[in-house]
């Protein structure tokens, strides 16, 4: 099972993690978060995207995390439970 998007679903149910994501996006700065030793999430302010990769090459889930670039808009939509307004351009392979 692919787990690339699990960090956004996790954020829906964990307000402190959701707030970290929202604050990083609102800050206008680059940053990085990790999620449960599964995901490395790099926030790129210039392109307004996050790049999701496995936490490490040796983590238990590294084969289940397919690297993706996701727009800030899509991240905010998803962490707020709105999956219906996604566009094809919002998620790209890395």
Protein backbone atom coordinates (compact mmCIF):
# COMPACT_ATOMS: atom_id res chain seq x y z
CA UNK A 1 0.00 0.00 0.00
CA UNK A 2 1.32 3.44 -0.96
CA UNK A 3 1.67 5.77 2.05
CA UNK A 4 2.80 8.99 0.37
CA UNK A 5 -0.23 10.98 1.51
CA UNK A 6 -0.67 9.50 4.99
CA UNK A 7 0.95 12.54 6.67
CA UNK A 8 -1.89 14.78 5.46
CA UNK A 9 -4.54 12.36 6.73
CA UNK A 10 -2.64 12.19 10.03
CA UNK A 11 -2.74 16.02 10.21
CA UNK A 12 -6.54 16.01 9.89
CA UNK A 13 -6.78 14.15 13.21
CA UNK A 14 -3.82 15.71 15.05
CA UNK A 15 -4.32 19.48 15.48
CA UNK A 16 -0.75 20.25 16.68
CA UNK A 17 0.76 18.69 13.55
CA UNK A 18 -1.85 20.38 11.35
CA UNK A 19 -0.97 23.74 12.94
CA UNK A 20 2.74 23.16 12.24
CA UNK A 21 1.94 22.64 8.56
CA UNK A 22 -0.32 25.70 8.37
CA UNK A 23 2.23 27.86 10.21
CA UNK A 24 5.07 26.81 7.90
CA UNK A 25 3.00 27.58 4.82
CA UNK A 26 1.86 30.94 6.23
CA UNK A 27 5.40 31.93 7.26
CA UNK A 28 6.63 32.34 3.69
CA UNK A 29 9.85 30.55 4.64
CA UNK A 30 11.37 27.27 3.58
CA UNK A 31 11.20 24.55 6.20
CA UNK A 32 11.05 20.87 6.90
CA UNK A 33 8.91 18.55 9.00
CA UNK A 34 9.01 14.85 9.57
CA UNK A 35 6.01 12.69 10.22
CA UNK A 36 6.28 9.62 12.44
CA UNK A 37 9.68 8.60 11.03
CA UNK A 38 7.94 7.83 7.74
CA UNK A 39 7.93 11.09 5.75
CA UNK A 40 10.32 13.96 5.17
CA UNK A 41 8.30 17.00 4.11
CA UNK A 42 10.24 19.94 2.65
CA UNK A 43 8.39 23.23 2.29
CA UNK A 44 9.60 25.37 -0.61
CA UNK A 45 8.26 28.91 -0.29
CA UNK A 46 9.49 30.09 -3.70
CA UNK A 47 7.52 27.44 -5.59
CA UNK A 48 4.75 27.14 -2.96
CA UNK A 49 5.11 23.37 -2.91
CA UNK A 50 6.07 20.62 -0.52
CA UNK A 51 8.29 17.76 -1.55
CA UNK A 52 7.44 14.50 0.19
CA UNK A 53 10.09 11.80 0.38
CA UNK A 54 10.75 8.83 2.64
CA UNK A 55 12.17 9.72 6.05
CA UNK A 56 15.36 7.86 5.13
CA UNK A 57 16.58 5.17 2.77
CA UNK A 58 16.68 2.74 5.67
CA UNK A 59 13.31 3.51 7.27
CA UNK A 60 10.80 0.70 7.42
CA UNK A 61 8.45 2.50 5.05
CA UNK A 62 10.86 3.90 2.45
CA UNK A 63 9.48 1.69 -0.32
CA UNK A 64 5.92 2.79 0.40
CA UNK A 65 6.60 6.53 0.06
CA UNK A 66 6.68 7.60 -3.58
CA UNK A 67 8.33 11.04 -3.82
CA UNK A 68 5.83 13.73 -4.84
CA UNK A 69 5.69 17.50 -5.16
CA UNK A 70 2.38 18.87 -3.88
CA UNK A 71 1.15 22.45 -4.10
CA UNK A 72 0.50 24.39 -0.91
CA UNK A 73 -3.08 24.84 -2.10
CA UNK A 74 -3.60 21.09 -2.30
CA UNK A 75 -1.98 20.47 1.07
CA UNK A 76 -4.30 22.98 2.74
CA UNK A 77 -7.32 21.49 0.97
CA UNK A 78 -6.44 17.95 2.04
CA UNK A 79 -5.56 18.67 5.68
CA UNK A 80 -8.94 20.36 5.93
CA UNK A 81 -10.71 17.30 4.53
CA UNK A 82 -11.51 18.68 1.07
CA UNK A 83 -10.34 16.14 -1.50
CA UNK A 84 -12.86 17.24 -4.13
CA UNK A 85 -11.11 20.41 -5.31
CA UNK A 86 -7.76 18.92 -6.33
CA UNK A 87 -6.33 19.64 -9.75
CA UNK A 88 -4.06 17.43 -11.79
CA UNK A 89 -1.29 20.05 -11.61
CA UNK A 90 -1.41 20.04 -7.78
CA UNK A 91 0.51 16.77 -7.46
CA UNK A 92 3.56 15.86 -9.51
CA UNK A 93 6.10 13.07 -9.47
CA UNK A 94 9.58 14.00 -8.31
